[in-house]
PDB file of N, CA and C in Angstrom:
ATOM      1  N   MET A   1       8.606  23.571   2.476  1.00  0.00           N
ATOM      2  CA  MET A   1       8.403  22.194   1.769  1.00  0.00           C
ATOM      3  C   MET A   1       9.685  21.493   1.706  1.00  0.00           C
ATOM      4  N   MET A   2       9.235  20.124   2.059  1.00  0.00           N
ATOM      5  CA  MET A   2      10.799  19.350   1.570  1.00  0.00           C
ATOM      6  C   MET A   2      11.080  19.227   0.387  1.00  0.00           C
ATOM      7  N   PRO A   3      12.562  19.057   0.044  1.00  0.00           N
ATOM      8  CA  PRO A   3      12.934  18.844  -1.244  1.00  0.00           C
ATOM      9  C   PRO A   3      12.754  17.375  -1.625  1.00  0.00           C
ATOM     10  N   TYR A   4      12.463  17.096  -2.828  1.00  0.00           N
ATOM     11  CA  TYR A   4      12.501  15.533  -3.232  1.00  0.00           C
ATOM     12  C   TYR A   4      13.794  14.873  -3.109  1.00  0.00           C
ATOM     13  N   LYS A   5      13.595  13.646  -2.952  1.00  0.00           N
ATOM     14  CA  LYS A   5      14.534  12.848  -2.969  1.00  0.00           C
ATOM     15  C   LYS A   5      14.967  12.819  -4.632  1.00  0.00           C
ATOM     16  N   PRO A   6      16.217  12.617  -4.750  1.00  0.00           N
ATOM     17  CA  PRO A   6      16.599  12.077  -6.236  1.00  0.00           C
ATOM     18  C   PRO A   6      16.277  10.887  -6.839  1.00  0.00           C
ATOM     19  N   LYS A   7      15.862  11.043  -8.089  1.00  0.00           N
ATOM     20  CA  LYS A   7      15.552   9.630  -8.651  1.00  0.00           C
ATOM     21  C   LYS A   7      16.428   8.852  -8.755  1.00  0.00           C
ATOM     22  N   LYS A   8      15.985   7.343  -8.608  1.00  0.00           N
ATOM     23  CA  LYS A   8      17.208   6.296  -8.856  1.00  0.00           C
ATOM     24  C   LYS A   8      16.660   5.323 -10.024  1.00  0.00           C
ATOM     25  N   PRO A   9      17.671   4.576 -10.440  1.00  0.00           N
ATOM     26  CA  PRO A   9      17.143   3.883 -11.785  1.00  0.00           C
ATOM     27  C   PRO A   9      16.096   2.990 -11.383  1.00  0.00           C
ATOM     28  N   CYS A  10      15.204   2.482 -12.498  1.00  0.00           N
ATOM     29  CA  CYS A  10      14.072   1.490 -12.156  1.00  0.00           C
ATOM     30  C   CYS A  10      14.917   0.166 -11.815  1.00  0.00           C
ATOM     31  N   ALA A  11      14.255  -0.768 -10.911  1.00  0.00           N
ATOM     32  CA  ALA A  11      14.759  -1.931 -10.659  1.00  0.00           C
ATOM     33  C   ALA A  11      14.588  -3.016 -11.613  1.00  0.00           C
ATOM     34  N   TYR A  12      13.862  -2.880 -12.705  1.00  0.00           N
ATOM     35  CA  TYR A  12      13.647  -3.699 -13.670  1.00  0.00           C
ATOM     36  C   TYR A  12      14.849  -3.926 -14.489  1.00  0.00           C
ATOM     37  N   PRO A  13      15.398  -5.076 -14.702  1.00  0.00           N
ATOM     38  CA  PRO A  13      16.613  -5.508 -15.209  1.00  0.00           C
ATOM     39  C   PRO A  13      16.760  -4.775 -16.792  1.00  0.00           C
ATOM     40  N   GLY A  14      17.682  -3.869 -16.845  1.00  0.00           N
ATOM     41  CA  GLY A  14      18.187  -3.388 -18.155  1.00  0.00           C
ATOM     42  C   GLY A  14      17.373  -2.039 -18.467  1.00  0.00           C
ATOM     43  N   CYS A  15      16.527  -1.665 -17.493  1.00  0.00           N
ATOM     44  CA  CYS A  15      15.760  -0.466 -17.903  1.00  0.00           C
ATOM     45  C   CYS A  15      16.525   0.745 -17.435  1.00  0.00           C
ATOM     46  N   PRO A  16      16.767   1.608 -18.363  1.00  0.00           N
ATOM     47  CA  PRO A  16      17.419   2.942 -17.897  1.00  0.00           C
ATOM     48  C   PRO A  16      16.533   4.132 -17.484  1.00  0.00           C
ATOM     49  N   ASN A  17      15.350   3.945 -17.099  1.00  0.00           N
ATOM     50  CA  ASN A  17      14.272   5.163 -16.639  1.00  0.00           C
ATOM     51  C   ASN A  17      14.763   5.263 -15.272  1.00  0.00           C
ATOM     52  N   LEU A  18      14.445   6.507 -15.039  1.00  0.00           N
ATOM     53  CA  LEU A  18      14.705   7.037 -13.648  1.00  0.00           C
ATOM     54  C   LEU A  18      13.319   6.952 -12.815  1.00  0.00           C
ATOM     55  N   THR A  19      13.039   6.941 -11.694  1.00  0.00           N
ATOM     56  CA  THR A  19      11.922   6.836 -11.021  1.00  0.00           C
ATOM     57  C   THR A  19      12.178   7.355  -9.387  1.00  0.00           C
ATOM     58  N   SER A  20      11.151   7.772  -8.894  1.00  0.00           N
ATOM     59  CA  SER A  20      11.069   7.881  -7.219  1.00  0.00           C
ATOM     60  C   SER A  20      10.605   6.658  -6.545  1.00  0.00           C
ATOM     61  N   ASP A  21       9.876   5.770  -7.396  1.00  0.00           N
ATOM     62  CA  ASP A  21       9.459   4.529  -6.841  1.00  0.00           C
ATOM     63  C   ASP A  21      10.391   3.373  -7.191  1.00  0.00           C
ATOM     64  N   HIS A  22      10.122   2.096  -6.754  1.00  0.00           N
ATOM     65  CA  HIS A  22      10.971   0.979  -6.943  1.00  0.00           C
ATOM     66  C   HIS A  22      11.100   0.564  -8.699  1.00  0.00           C
ATOM     67  N   TYR A  23      10.182   0.842  -9.315  1.00  0.00           N
ATOM     68  CA  TYR A  23       9.852   0.573 -10.659  1.00  0.00           C
ATOM     69  C   TYR A  23       9.334   1.679 -11.218  1.00  0.00           C
ATOM     70  N   CYS A  24       9.701   1.868 -12.520  1.00  0.00           N
ATOM     71  CA  CYS A  24       9.322   2.957 -13.568  1.00  0.00           C
ATOM     72  C   CYS A  24       7.670   2.733 -13.789  1.00  0.00           C
ATOM     73  N   LYS A  25       6.985   3.865 -14.205  1.00  0.00           N
ATOM     74  CA  LYS A  25       5.591   3.531 -14.531  1.00  0.00           C
ATOM     75  C   LYS A  25       5.416   2.321 -15.790  1.00  0.00           C
ATOM     76  N   GLU A  26       6.305   2.303 -16.466  1.00  0.00           N
ATOM     77  CA  GLU A  26       6.411   1.200 -17.715  1.00  0.00           C
ATOM     78  C   GLU A  26       6.383  -0.075 -17.049  1.00  0.00           C
ATOM     79  N   HIS A  27       7.120  -0.333 -16.011  1.00  0.00           N
ATOM     80  CA  HIS A  27       7.376  -1.661 -15.669  1.00  0.00           C
ATOM     81  C   HIS A  27       6.597  -2.064 -14.137  1.00  0.00           C
ATOM     82  N   ALA A  28       6.260  -0.974 -13.639  1.00  0.00           N
ATOM     83  CA  ALA A  28       5.471  -1.279 -12.440  1.00  0.00           C
ATOM     84  C   ALA A  28       4.368  -2.221 -12.515  1.00  0.00           C
ATOM     85  N   LYS A  29       3.408  -1.972 -13.586  1.00  0.00           N
ATOM     86  CA  LYS A  29       2.308  -2.885 -13.696  1.00  0.00           C
ATOM     87  C   LYS A  29       2.724  -4.293 -13.977  1.00  0.00           C
ATOM     88  N   GLN A  30       3.776  -4.397 -14.890  1.00  0.00           N
ATOM     89  CA  GLN A  30       4.407  -5.514 -15.273  1.00  0.00           C
ATOM     90  C   GLN A  30       4.674  -6.260 -14.073  1.00  0.00           C
ATOM     91  N   GLU A  31       5.624  -5.718 -13.183  1.00  0.00           N
ATOM     92  CA  GLU A  31       5.995  -6.295 -12.123  1.00  0.00           C
ATOM     93  C   GLU A  31       5.042  -7.013 -11.117  1.00  0.00           C
ATOM     94  N   ALA A  32       3.959  -6.106 -10.921  1.00  0.00           N
ATOM     95  CA  ALA A  32       2.803  -6.289  -9.938  1.00  0.00           C
ATOM     96  C   ALA A  32       2.035  -7.637 -10.630  1.00  0.00           C
ATOM     97  N   LYS A  33       1.843  -7.676 -12.033  1.00  0.00           N
ATOM     98  CA  LYS A  33       1.362  -8.732 -12.460  1.00  0.00           C
ATOM     99  C   LYS A  33       2.155 -10.130 -12.327  1.00  0.00           C
ATOM    100  N   ARG A  34       3.371  -9.859 -12.415  1.00  0.00           N
ATOM    101  CA  ARG A  34       4.287 -11.162 -12.304  1.00  0.00           C
ATOM    102  C   ARG A  34       4.447 -11.499 -10.954  1.00  0.00           C
ATOM    103  N   TYR A  35       4.332 -10.786  -9.922  1.00  0.00           N
ATOM    104  CA  TYR A  35       4.292 -10.764  -8.417  1.00  0.00           C
ATOM    105  C   TYR A  35       2.905 -11.702  -7.942  1.00  0.00           C
ATOM    106  N   ASN A  36       1.767 -11.130  -8.581  1.00  0.00           N
ATOM    107  CA  ASN A  36       0.529 -11.903  -8.246  1.00  0.00           C
ATOM    108  C   ASN A  36       0.471 -13.032  -8.800  1.00  0.00           C
ATOM    109  N   HIS A  37       0.992 -13.375  -9.998  1.00  0.00           N
ATOM    110  CA  HIS A  37       0.718 -14.767 -10.462  1.00  0.00           C
ATOM    111  C   HIS A  37       1.773 -15.886 -10.038  1.00  0.00           C
ATOM    112  N   PHE A  38       3.006 -15.234  -9.621  1.00  0.00           N
ATOM    113  CA  PHE A  38       4.020 -16.349  -9.148  1.00  0.00           C
ATOM    114  C   PHE A  38       4.385 -16.309  -7.807  1.00  0.00           C
ATOM    115  N   ASP A  39       4.282 -15.138  -7.215  1.00  0.00           N
ATOM    116  CA  ASP A  39       4.965 -15.102  -5.873  1.00  0.00           C
ATOM    117  C   ASP A  39       3.921 -14.782  -4.700  1.00  0.00           C
ATOM    118  N   ARG A  40       2.783 -14.428  -5.055  1.00  0.00           N
ATOM    119  CA  ARG A  40       1.729 -14.266  -4.064  1.00  0.00           C
ATOM    120  C   ARG A  40       0.853 -15.285  -4.007  1.00  0.00           C
ATOM    121  N   ASP A  41       0.459 -15.634  -2.696  1.00  0.00           N
ATOM    122  CA  ASP A  41      -0.324 -16.660  -1.967  1.00  0.00           C
ATOM    123  C   ASP A  41      -1.679 -16.682  -2.993  1.00  0.00           C
ATOM    124  N   PRO A  42      -2.181 -17.823  -3.520  1.00  0.00           N
ATOM    125  CA  PRO A  42      -3.513 -17.807  -4.102  1.00  0.00           C
ATOM    126  C   PRO A  42      -4.699 -17.218  -3.362  1.00  0.00           C
ATOM    127  N   GLU A  43      -4.843 -17.724  -1.894  1.00  0.00           N
ATOM    128  CA  GLU A  43      -5.879 -17.378  -1.210  1.00  0.00           C
ATOM    129  C   GLU A  43      -5.862 -15.572  -1.090  1.00  0.00           C
ATOM    130  N   THR A  44      -4.630 -15.150  -1.008  1.00  0.00           N
ATOM    131  CA  THR A  44      -4.618 -13.694  -0.888  1.00  0.00           C
ATOM    132  C   THR A  44      -5.012 -12.999  -2.237  1.00  0.00           C
ATOM    133  N   ASN A  45      -4.861 -13.648  -3.252  1.00  0.00           N
ATOM    134  CA  ASN A  45      -5.318 -13.146  -4.491  1.00  0.00           C
ATOM    135  C   ASN A  45      -6.981 -13.056  -4.513  1.00  0.00           C
ATOM    136  N   LYS A  46      -7.391 -14.057  -3.996  1.00  0.00           N
ATOM    137  CA  LYS A  46      -9.048 -14.052  -3.969  1.00  0.00           C
ATOM    138  C   LYS A  46      -9.473 -13.076  -2.991  1.00  0.00           C
ATOM    139  N   ARG A  47      -8.745 -12.583  -1.771  1.00  0.00           N
ATOM    140  CA  ARG A  47      -9.432 -11.615  -0.897  1.00  0.00           C
ATOM    141  C   ARG A  47      -9.200 -10.366  -1.598  1.00  0.00           C
ATOM    142  N   TYR A  48      -8.162 -10.119  -2.301  1.00  0.00           N
ATOM    143  CA  TYR A  48      -7.732  -8.759  -2.935  1.00  0.00           C
ATOM    144  C   TYR A  48      -7.938  -8.449  -4.322  1.00  0.00           C
ATOM    145  N   GLY A  49      -9.211  -8.842  -4.841  1.00  0.00           N
ATOM    146  CA  GLY A  49      -9.524  -8.760  -6.298  1.00  0.00           C
ATOM    147  C   GLY A  49      -9.873  -7.385  -6.541  1.00  0.00           C
ATOM    148  N   ARG A  50     -10.804  -7.429  -7.730  1.00  0.00           N
ATOM    149  CA  ARG A  50     -11.628  -6.324  -8.279  1.00  0.00           C
ATOM    150  C   ARG A  50     -12.509  -5.478  -7.099  1.00  0.00           C
ATOM    151  N   SER A  51     -13.430  -6.553  -6.436  1.00  0.00           N
ATOM    152  CA  SER A  51     -14.176  -5.859  -5.341  1.00  0.00           C
ATOM    153  C   SER A  51     -13.427  -5.086  -4.449  1.00  0.00           C
ATOM    154  N   TRP A  52     -12.318  -5.606  -3.894  1.00  0.00           N
ATOM    155  CA  TRP A  52     -11.099  -4.918  -3.054  1.00  0.00           C
ATOM    156  C   TRP A  52     -10.723  -3.424  -3.503  1.00  0.00           C
ATOM    157  N   GLU A  53     -10.368  -3.500  -4.989  1.00  0.00           N
ATOM    158  CA  GLU A  53      -9.868  -2.310  -5.438  1.00  0.00           C
ATOM    159  C   GLU A  53     -10.951  -1.319  -5.497  1.00  0.00           C
ATOM    160  N   ARG A  54     -12.104  -1.543  -5.637  1.00  0.00           N
ATOM    161  CA  ARG A  54     -13.202  -0.737  -5.595  1.00  0.00           C
ATOM    162  C   ARG A  54     -13.443   0.008  -4.049  1.00  0.00           C
ATOM    163  N   ILE A  55     -13.419  -1.094  -3.245  1.00  0.00           N
ATOM    164  CA  ILE A  55     -13.589  -0.498  -1.955  1.00  0.00           C
ATOM    165  C   ILE A  55     -12.521   0.214  -1.276  1.00  0.00           C
ATOM    166  N   ARG A  56     -11.311  -0.189  -1.579  1.00  0.00           N
ATOM    167  CA  ARG A  56     -10.138   0.767  -1.353  1.00  0.00           C
ATOM    168  C   ARG A  56     -10.189   2.075  -2.089  1.00  0.00           C
ATOM    169  N   ALA A  57     -10.512   2.232  -3.310  1.00  0.00           N
ATOM    170  CA  ALA A  57     -10.593   3.574  -4.115  1.00  0.00           C
ATOM    171  C   ALA A  57     -11.669   4.506  -3.182  1.00  0.00           C
ATOM    172  N   ALA A  58     -12.795   3.976  -3.051  1.00  0.00           N
ATOM    173  CA  ALA A  58     -13.837   4.706  -2.541  1.00  0.00           C
ATOM    174  C   ALA A  58     -13.280   5.069  -1.009  1.00  0.00           C
ATOM    175  N   PHE A  59     -12.740   4.243  -0.183  1.00  0.00           N
ATOM    176  CA  PHE A  59     -12.324   4.522   1.026  1.00  0.00           C
ATOM    177  C   PHE A  59     -11.198   5.518   1.082  1.00  0.00           C
ATOM    178  N   LEU A  60     -10.512   5.548   0.164  1.00  0.00           N
ATOM    179  CA  LEU A  60      -9.266   6.719  -0.081  1.00  0.00           C
ATOM    180  C   LEU A  60      -9.918   7.938  -0.487  1.00  0.00           C
ATOM    181  N   SER A  61     -10.693   7.717  -1.319  1.00  0.00           N
ATOM    182  CA  SER A  61     -11.424   9.090  -1.625  1.00  0.00           C
ATOM    183  C   SER A  61     -12.190   9.713  -0.432  1.00  0.00           C
ATOM    184  N   ALA A  62     -12.853   9.024   0.294  1.00  0.00           N
ATOM    185  CA  ALA A  62     -13.362   9.636   1.425  1.00  0.00           C
ATOM    186  C   ALA A  62     -12.478   9.779   2.556  1.00  0.00           C
ATOM    187  N   HIS A  63     -11.103   9.296   2.686  1.00  0.00           N
ATOM    188  CA  HIS A  63     -10.211   9.385   3.920  1.00  0.00           C
ATOM    189  C   HIS A  63      -9.140   9.726   3.287  1.00  0.00           C
ATOM    190  N   PRO A  64      -8.725  10.698   2.702  1.00  0.00           N
ATOM    191  CA  PRO A  64      -7.543  11.218   1.801  1.00  0.00           C
ATOM    192  C   PRO A  64      -6.238  11.463   2.873  1.00  0.00           C
ATOM    193  N   LEU A  65      -6.394  11.409   3.971  1.00  0.00           N
ATOM    194  CA  LEU A  65      -5.419  11.962   4.961  1.00  0.00           C
ATOM    195  C   LEU A  65      -5.060  10.512   5.853  1.00  0.00           C
ATOM    196  N   CYS A  66      -3.809  10.533   6.228  1.00  0.00           N
ATOM    197  CA  CYS A  66      -3.471   9.470   7.012  1.00  0.00           C
ATOM    198  C   CYS A  66      -3.917   9.446   8.506  1.00  0.00           C
ATOM    199  N   GLU A  67      -4.685   8.690   9.052  1.00  0.00           N
ATOM    200  CA  GLU A  67      -5.532   8.778  10.094  1.00  0.00           C
ATOM    201  C   GLU A  67      -4.471   8.589  11.370  1.00  0.00           C
ATOM    202  N   LEU A  68      -3.386   7.896  11.329  1.00  0.00           N
ATOM    203  CA  LEU A  68      -2.242   7.919  12.573  1.00  0.00           C
ATOM    204  C   LEU A  68      -1.619   9.225  12.299  1.00  0.00           C
ATOM    205  N   CYS A  69      -1.307   9.843  11.303  1.00  0.00           N
ATOM    206  CA  CYS A  69      -0.358  11.173  11.393  1.00  0.00           C
ATOM    207  C   CYS A  69      -1.359  12.219  11.613  1.00  0.00           C
ATOM    208  N   ARG A  70      -2.595  12.167  11.204  1.00  0.00           N
ATOM    209  CA  ARG A  70      -3.579  13.433  11.840  1.00  0.00           C
ATOM    210  C   ARG A  70      -3.856  13.370  13.400  1.00  0.00           C
ATOM    211  N   THR A  71      -3.697  12.068  13.935  1.00  0.00           N
ATOM    212  CA  THR A  71      -3.784  12.068  15.348  1.00  0.00           C
ATOM    213  C   THR A  71      -2.568  12.367  16.237  1.00  0.00           C
ATOM    214  N   GLU A  72      -1.417  12.563  15.408  1.00  0.00           N
ATOM    215  CA  GLU A  72      -0.002  13.480  15.826  1.00  0.00           C
ATOM    216  C   GLU A  72       0.131  14.765  15.344  1.00  0.00           C
ATOM    217  N   GLY A  73      -1.039  15.440  14.692  1.00  0.00           N
ATOM    218  CA  GLY A  73      -1.206  16.591  14.229  1.00  0.00           C
ATOM    219  C   GLY A  73      -0.368  16.836  12.744  1.00  0.00           C
ATOM    220  N   ARG A  74      -0.194  15.814  12.164  1.00  0.00           N
ATOM    221  CA  ARG A  74       0.702  15.974  10.700  1.00  0.00           C
ATOM    222  C   ARG A  74      -0.361  15.580   9.749  1.00  0.00           C
ATOM    223  N   LEU A  75      -0.324  16.287   8.588  1.00  0.00           N
ATOM    224  CA  LEU A  75      -1.134  16.240   7.494  1.00  0.00           C
ATOM    225  C   LEU A  75      -0.260  15.389   6.280  1.00  0.00           C
ATOM    226  N   ASN A  76      -0.467  13.867   5.988  1.00  0.00           N
ATOM    227  CA  ASN A  76       0.252  13.433   5.138  1.00  0.00           C
ATOM    228  C   ASN A  76      -0.948  12.706   4.564  1.00  0.00           C
ATOM    229  N   PRO A  77      -0.758  12.505   3.169  1.00  0.00           N
ATOM    230  CA  PRO A  77      -1.784  11.895   2.095  1.00  0.00           C
ATOM    231  C   PRO A  77      -1.674  10.231   2.526  1.00  0.00           C
ATOM    232  N   ALA A  78      -2.926   9.879   2.477  1.00  0.00           N
ATOM    233  CA  ALA A  78      -2.979   8.168   2.707  1.00  0.00           C
ATOM    234  C   ALA A  78      -3.062   7.561   1.312  1.00  0.00           C
ATOM    235  N   VAL A  79      -2.020   6.490   1.338  1.00  0.00           N
ATOM    236  CA  VAL A  79      -1.970   5.805  -0.021  1.00  0.00           C
ATOM    237  C   VAL A  79      -2.437   4.320   0.131  1.00  0.00           C
ATOM    238  N   LEU A  80      -2.670   3.825   1.345  1.00  0.00           N
ATOM    239  CA  LEU A  80      -2.963   2.455   2.009  1.00  0.00           C
ATOM    240  C   LEU A  80      -3.949   2.474   2.516  1.00  0.00           C
ATOM    241  N   VAL A  81      -4.853   1.313   2.383  1.00  0.00           N
ATOM    242  CA  VAL A  81      -5.963   1.055   3.183  1.00  0.00           C
ATOM    243  C   VAL A  81      -5.562  -0.214   4.295  1.00  0.00           C
ATOM    244  N   HIS A  82      -5.639   0.131   5.526  1.00  0.00           N
ATOM    245  CA  HIS A  82      -5.363  -1.072   6.444  1.00  0.00           C
ATOM    246  C   HIS A  82      -6.598  -1.895   7.083  1.00  0.00           C
ATOM    247  N   HIS A  83      -6.645  -3.095   7.167  1.00  0.00           N
ATOM    248  CA  HIS A  83      -7.591  -3.803   7.846  1.00  0.00           C
ATOM    249  C   HIS A  83      -7.043  -3.765   9.326  1.00  0.00           C
ATOM    250  N   LYS A  84      -7.911  -3.273  10.253  1.00  0.00           N
ATOM    251  CA  LYS A  84      -7.777  -3.188  11.670  1.00  0.00           C
ATOM    252  C   LYS A  84      -7.765  -4.729  12.149  1.00  0.00           C
ATOM    253  N   ARG A  85      -8.647  -5.338  11.722  1.00  0.00           N
ATOM    254  CA  ARG A  85      -8.610  -6.846  12.123  1.00  0.00           C
ATOM    255  C   ARG A  85      -8.543  -7.550  10.589  1.00  0.00           C
ATOM    256  N   LYS A  86      -7.310  -8.627  10.564  1.00  0.00           N
ATOM    257  CA  LYS A  86      -6.967  -8.962   9.573  1.00  0.00           C
ATOM    258  C   LYS A  86      -8.136  -9.705   8.675  1.00  0.00           C
ATOM    259  N   LEU A  87      -8.300  -9.875   7.521  1.00  0.00           N
ATOM    260  CA  LEU A  87      -9.453 -10.677   6.896  1.00  0.00           C
ATOM    261  C   LEU A  87      -9.165 -12.236   7.295  1.00  0.00           C
ATOM    262  N   THR A  88      -7.757 -12.448   7.616  1.00  0.00           N
ATOM    263  CA  THR A  88      -7.534 -13.955   7.826  1.00  0.00           C
ATOM    264  C   THR A  88      -7.936 -14.283   9.160  1.00  0.00           C
ATOM    265  N   ASP A  89      -8.179 -13.261  10.087  1.00  0.00           N
ATOM    266  CA  ASP A  89      -8.444 -13.504  11.429  1.00  0.00           C
ATOM    267  C   ASP A  89      -9.886 -13.104  11.790  1.00  0.00           C
ATOM    268  N   GLY A  90     -10.754 -13.005  10.681  1.00  0.00           N
ATOM    269  CA  GLY A  90     -11.890 -12.845  10.460  1.00  0.00           C
ATOM    270  C   GLY A  90     -12.787 -11.453  10.340  1.00  0.00           C
ATOM    271  N   GLY A  91     -11.719 -10.550  10.159  1.00  0.00           N
ATOM    272  CA  GLY A  91     -12.091  -9.334   9.631  1.00  0.00           C
ATOM    273  C   GLY A  91     -12.920  -9.122   8.418  1.00  0.00           C
ATOM    274  N   THR A  92     -13.313  -7.924   8.023  1.00  0.00           N
ATOM    275  CA  THR A  92     -14.146  -7.671   6.925  1.00  0.00           C
ATOM    276  C   THR A  92     -13.676  -6.584   6.163  1.00  0.00           C
ATOM    277  N   ASN A  93     -14.424  -6.227   5.090  1.00  0.00           N
ATOM    278  CA  ASN A  93     -14.167  -5.258   4.287  1.00  0.00           C
ATOM    279  C   ASN A  93     -14.961  -4.107   4.753  1.00  0.00           C
ATOM    280  N   ASP A  94     -15.932  -4.065   5.599  1.00  0.00           N
ATOM    281  CA  ASP A  94     -16.707  -3.004   6.131  1.00  0.00           C
ATOM    282  C   ASP A  94     -15.671  -1.670   6.568  1.00  0.00           C
ATOM    283  N   TRP A  95     -16.652  -0.587   6.274  1.00  0.00           N
ATOM    284  CA  TRP A  95     -15.645   0.662   6.458  1.00  0.00           C
ATOM    285  C   TRP A  95     -14.988   0.833   8.038  1.00  0.00           C
ATOM    286  N   SER A  96     -15.828   0.310   8.963  1.00  0.00           N
ATOM    287  CA  SER A  96     -15.694   0.164  10.416  1.00  0.00           C
ATOM    288  C   SER A  96     -14.079  -0.418  10.710  1.00  0.00           C
ATOM    289  N   ASN A  97     -13.903  -1.461   9.763  1.00  0.00           N
ATOM    290  CA  ASN A  97     -12.637  -2.354  10.067  1.00  0.00           C
ATOM    291  C   ASN A  97     -11.365  -1.777   9.163  1.00  0.00           C
ATOM    292  N   LEU A  98     -11.673  -0.660   8.485  1.00  0.00           N
ATOM    293  CA  LEU A  98     -10.738  -0.061   7.511  1.00  0.00           C
ATOM    294  C   LEU A  98     -10.040   1.097   8.199  1.00  0.00           C
ATOM    295  N   GLN A  99      -8.755   1.457   7.600  1.00  0.00           N
ATOM    296  CA  GLN A  99      -7.893   2.316   8.137  1.00  0.00           C
ATOM    297  C   GLN A  99      -7.282   3.095   7.094  1.00  0.00           C
ATOM    298  N   ALA A 100      -7.327   4.492   6.706  1.00  0.00           N
ATOM    299  CA  ALA A 100      -6.422   5.172   5.899  1.00  0.00           C
ATOM    300  C   ALA A 100      -5.058   5.500   6.447  1.00  0.00           C
ATOM    301  N   LEU A 101      -3.972   4.945   5.941  1.00  0.00           N
ATOM    302  CA  LEU A 101      -2.695   5.091   6.304  1.00  0.00           C
ATOM    303  C   LEU A 101      -1.510   5.599   5.106  1.00  0.00           C
ATOM    304  N   CYS A 102      -0.610   6.272   5.673  1.00  0.00           N
ATOM    305  CA  CYS A 102       0.697   6.560   4.673  1.00  0.00           C
ATOM    306  C   CYS A 102       1.441   5.412   4.963  1.00  0.00           C
ATOM    307  N   LEU A 103       2.722   5.270   3.902  1.00  0.00           N
ATOM    308  CA  LEU A 103       3.169   4.149   3.704  1.00  0.00           C
ATOM    309  C   LEU A 103       4.186   3.672   4.918  1.00  0.00           C
ATOM    310  N   GLU A 104       4.459   4.884   5.702  1.00  0.00           N
ATOM    311  CA  GLU A 104       5.383   4.957   6.978  1.00  0.00           C
ATOM    312  C   GLU A 104       4.617   4.276   7.853  1.00  0.00           C
ATOM    313  N   CYS A 105       3.405   5.026   8.109  1.00  0.00           N
ATOM    314  CA  CYS A 105       2.425   4.379   9.478  1.00  0.00           C
ATOM    315  C   CYS A 105       2.291   3.046   9.226  1.00  0.00           C
ATOM    316  N   HIS A 106       1.722   2.599   7.936  1.00  0.00           N
ATOM    317  CA  HIS A 106       1.319   1.234   7.629  1.00  0.00           C
ATOM    318  C   HIS A 106       2.725   0.169   7.915  1.00  0.00           C
ATOM    319  N   SER A 107       3.733   0.535   7.432  1.00  0.00           N
ATOM    320  CA  SER A 107       4.947  -0.152   7.705  1.00  0.00           C
ATOM    321  C   SER A 107       5.341  -0.551   9.242  1.00  0.00           C
ATOM    322  N   ARG A 108       5.298   0.916   9.880  1.00  0.00           N
ATOM    323  CA  ARG A 108       5.494   0.855  11.338  1.00  0.00           C
ATOM    324  C   ARG A 108       4.312  -0.086  12.100  1.00  0.00           C
ATOM    325  N   LEU A 109       3.328  -0.199  11.604  1.00  0.00           N
ATOM    326  CA  LEU A 109       1.985  -0.692  12.514  1.00  0.00           C
ATOM    327  C   LEU A 109       2.366  -2.309  12.031  1.00  0.00           C
ATOM    328  N   HIS A 110       2.665  -2.604  10.823  1.00  0.00           N
ATOM    329  CA  HIS A 110       2.972  -4.143  10.743  1.00  0.00           C
ATOM    330  C   HIS A 110       4.129  -4.497  11.343  1.00  0.00           C
ATOM    331  N   ALA A 111       5.325  -3.604  11.439  1.00  0.00           N
ATOM    332  CA  ALA A 111       6.313  -4.262  12.105  1.00  0.00           C
ATOM    333  C   ALA A 111       6.127  -4.254  13.599  1.00  0.00           C
ATOM    334  N   LYS A 112       5.474  -3.556  13.999  1.00  0.00           N
ATOM    335  CA  LYS A 112       4.887  -3.688  15.684  1.00  0.00           C
ATOM    336  C   LYS A 112       4.030  -4.861  15.748  1.00  0.00           C
ATOM    337  N   GLN A 113       3.340  -5.260  14.929  1.00  0.00           N
ATOM    338  CA  GLN A 113       2.771  -6.744  15.085  1.00  0.00           C
ATOM    339  C   GLN A 113       3.520  -7.696  14.858  1.00  0.00           C
ATOM    340  N   GLY A 114       4.605  -7.567  14.237  1.00  0.00           N
ATOM    341  CA  GLY A 114       5.572  -8.785  13.985  1.00  0.00           C
ATOM    342  C   GLY A 114       5.396  -9.408  12.507  1.00  0.00           C
ATOM    343  N   ASP A 115       4.438  -8.558  11.517  1.00  0.00           N
ATOM    344  CA  ASP A 115       4.313  -9.239  10.368  1.00  0.00           C
ATOM    345  C   ASP A 115       5.630  -9.216   9.598  1.00  0.00           C
ATOM    346  N   TYR A 116       6.202  -7.981   9.565  1.00  0.00           N
ATOM    347  CA  TYR A 116       7.656  -7.939   8.923  1.00  0.00           C
ATOM    348  C   TYR A 116       8.397  -6.713   9.501  1.00  0.00           C
ATOM    349  N   PHE A 117       9.668  -6.805   9.280  1.00  0.00           N
ATOM    350  CA  PHE A 117      10.515  -5.819   9.797  1.00  0.00           C
ATOM    351  C   PHE A 117      10.599  -4.688   8.916  1.00  0.00           C
ATOM    352  N   VAL A 118      10.987  -3.373   9.538  1.00  0.00           N
ATOM    353  CA  VAL A 118      11.160  -2.356   8.822  1.00  0.00           C
ATOM    354  C   VAL A 118      12.724  -2.097   8.620  1.00  0.00           C
TER     355      VAL A 118
END
């Protein structure tokens, strides 16, 4: 088994807590709320509301492993649900349009599509 990375300080200004994520548990929810309110496109908020959270949770429960890693013979837990065809391009939340991915595979996939750089 691989060793864990050392924990780093929380990115929230003035927070002394150490975390393995960007924000500690105390500030992660607060930062997500701030992001959704001020930085996220309002149309995106409409597409990813409570119903999406339920669909996402059910899909990850049924597909706990990253689908791309499994095709390469690796077993990594899935943490994100990816739309094969984007909602903005006419895709839906049907399970046939969804894919369970780990963070690395999800980032790699979007980088290849030109959505953002890794």
